[in-house]
């Protein structure tokens, strides 16, 4: 699951989609 979280965070940064809301680690950055 750790790998999936990292991939999801990368997509969040690239697209800035709604998934970013589910990734607090990315929002902190």
N, C-alpha and C. Protein backbone atom coordinates (compact mmCIF):
# COMPACT_ATOMS: atom_id res chain seq x y z
N UNK A 1 0.84 -1.21 0.00
CA UNK A 1 0.00 0.00 0.00
C UNK A 1 0.88 1.26 0.00
N UNK A 2 2.06 1.14 0.57
CA UNK A 2 2.95 2.31 0.62
C UNK A 2 3.27 2.80 -0.79
N UNK A 3 3.51 1.87 -1.70
CA UNK A 3 3.84 2.26 -3.07
C UNK A 3 2.66 2.98 -3.71
N UNK A 4 1.46 2.48 -3.48
CA UNK A 4 0.27 3.11 -4.06
C UNK A 4 0.13 4.53 -3.55
N UNK A 5 0.43 4.73 -2.28
CA UNK A 5 0.30 6.08 -1.71
C UNK A 5 1.28 7.03 -2.38
N UNK A 6 2.50 6.56 -2.63
CA UNK A 6 3.49 7.40 -3.28
C UNK A 6 3.04 7.76 -4.69
N UNK A 7 2.51 6.78 -5.41
CA UNK A 7 2.04 7.04 -6.78
C UNK A 7 0.88 8.03 -6.75
N UNK A 8 -0.01 7.87 -5.80
CA UNK A 8 -1.17 8.76 -5.70
C UNK A 8 -0.70 10.19 -5.42
N UNK A 9 0.31 10.33 -4.57
CA UNK A 9 0.81 11.66 -4.24
C UNK A 9 1.42 12.30 -5.48
N UNK A 10 2.11 11.52 -6.29
CA UNK A 10 2.71 12.06 -7.51
C UNK A 10 1.62 12.55 -8.47
N UNK A 11 0.54 11.79 -8.59
CA UNK A 11 -0.55 12.19 -9.48
C UNK A 11 -1.19 13.47 -8.96
N UNK A 12 -1.28 13.58 -7.65
CA UNK A 12 -1.89 14.75 -7.03
C UNK A 12 -1.09 15.99 -7.40
N UNK A 13 0.22 15.89 -7.29
CA UNK A 13 1.07 17.04 -7.59
C UNK A 13 1.00 17.39 -9.07
N UNK A 14 0.98 16.37 -9.93
CA UNK A 14 0.96 16.60 -11.37
C UNK A 14 -0.38 17.16 -11.84
N UNK A 15 -1.47 16.50 -11.46
CA UNK A 15 -2.79 16.93 -11.92
C UNK A 15 -3.45 17.90 -10.95
N UNK A 16 -3.16 17.75 -9.65
CA UNK A 16 -3.80 18.61 -8.66
C UNK A 16 -5.28 18.28 -8.60
N UNK A 17 -5.61 17.01 -8.82
CA UNK A 17 -7.02 16.58 -8.82
C UNK A 17 -7.57 16.44 -7.41
N UNK A 18 -8.80 15.98 -7.30
CA UNK A 18 -9.49 15.82 -6.01
C UNK A 18 -8.79 14.80 -5.11
N UNK A 19 -8.01 13.91 -5.71
CA UNK A 19 -7.31 12.91 -4.90
C UNK A 19 -6.32 13.58 -3.96
N UNK A 20 -5.88 14.77 -4.32
CA UNK A 20 -4.92 15.49 -3.49
C UNK A 20 -5.50 15.71 -2.09
N UNK A 21 -6.82 15.90 -2.02
CA UNK A 21 -7.46 16.15 -0.72
C UNK A 21 -7.29 14.94 0.18
N UNK A 22 -7.18 13.75 -0.41
CA UNK A 22 -7.06 12.53 0.40
C UNK A 22 -5.60 12.26 0.73
N UNK A 23 -4.70 13.15 0.28
CA UNK A 23 -3.27 12.96 0.57
C UNK A 23 -2.75 14.14 1.38
N UNK A 24 -2.95 14.13 2.71
CA UNK A 24 -2.52 15.24 3.57
C UNK A 24 -1.02 15.50 3.48
N UNK A 25 -0.24 14.45 3.25
CA UNK A 25 1.22 14.62 3.15
C UNK A 25 1.56 15.56 2.01
N UNK A 26 0.83 15.45 0.91
CA UNK A 26 1.10 16.30 -0.26
C UNK A 26 0.64 17.72 0.03
N UNK A 27 -0.50 17.85 0.72
CA UNK A 27 -1.03 19.18 1.01
C UNK A 27 -0.06 19.96 1.89
N UNK A 28 0.64 19.26 2.79
CA UNK A 28 1.59 19.93 3.67
C UNK A 28 2.70 20.58 2.85
N UNK A 29 3.15 19.89 1.79
CA UNK A 29 4.20 20.45 0.95
C UNK A 29 3.67 21.66 0.21
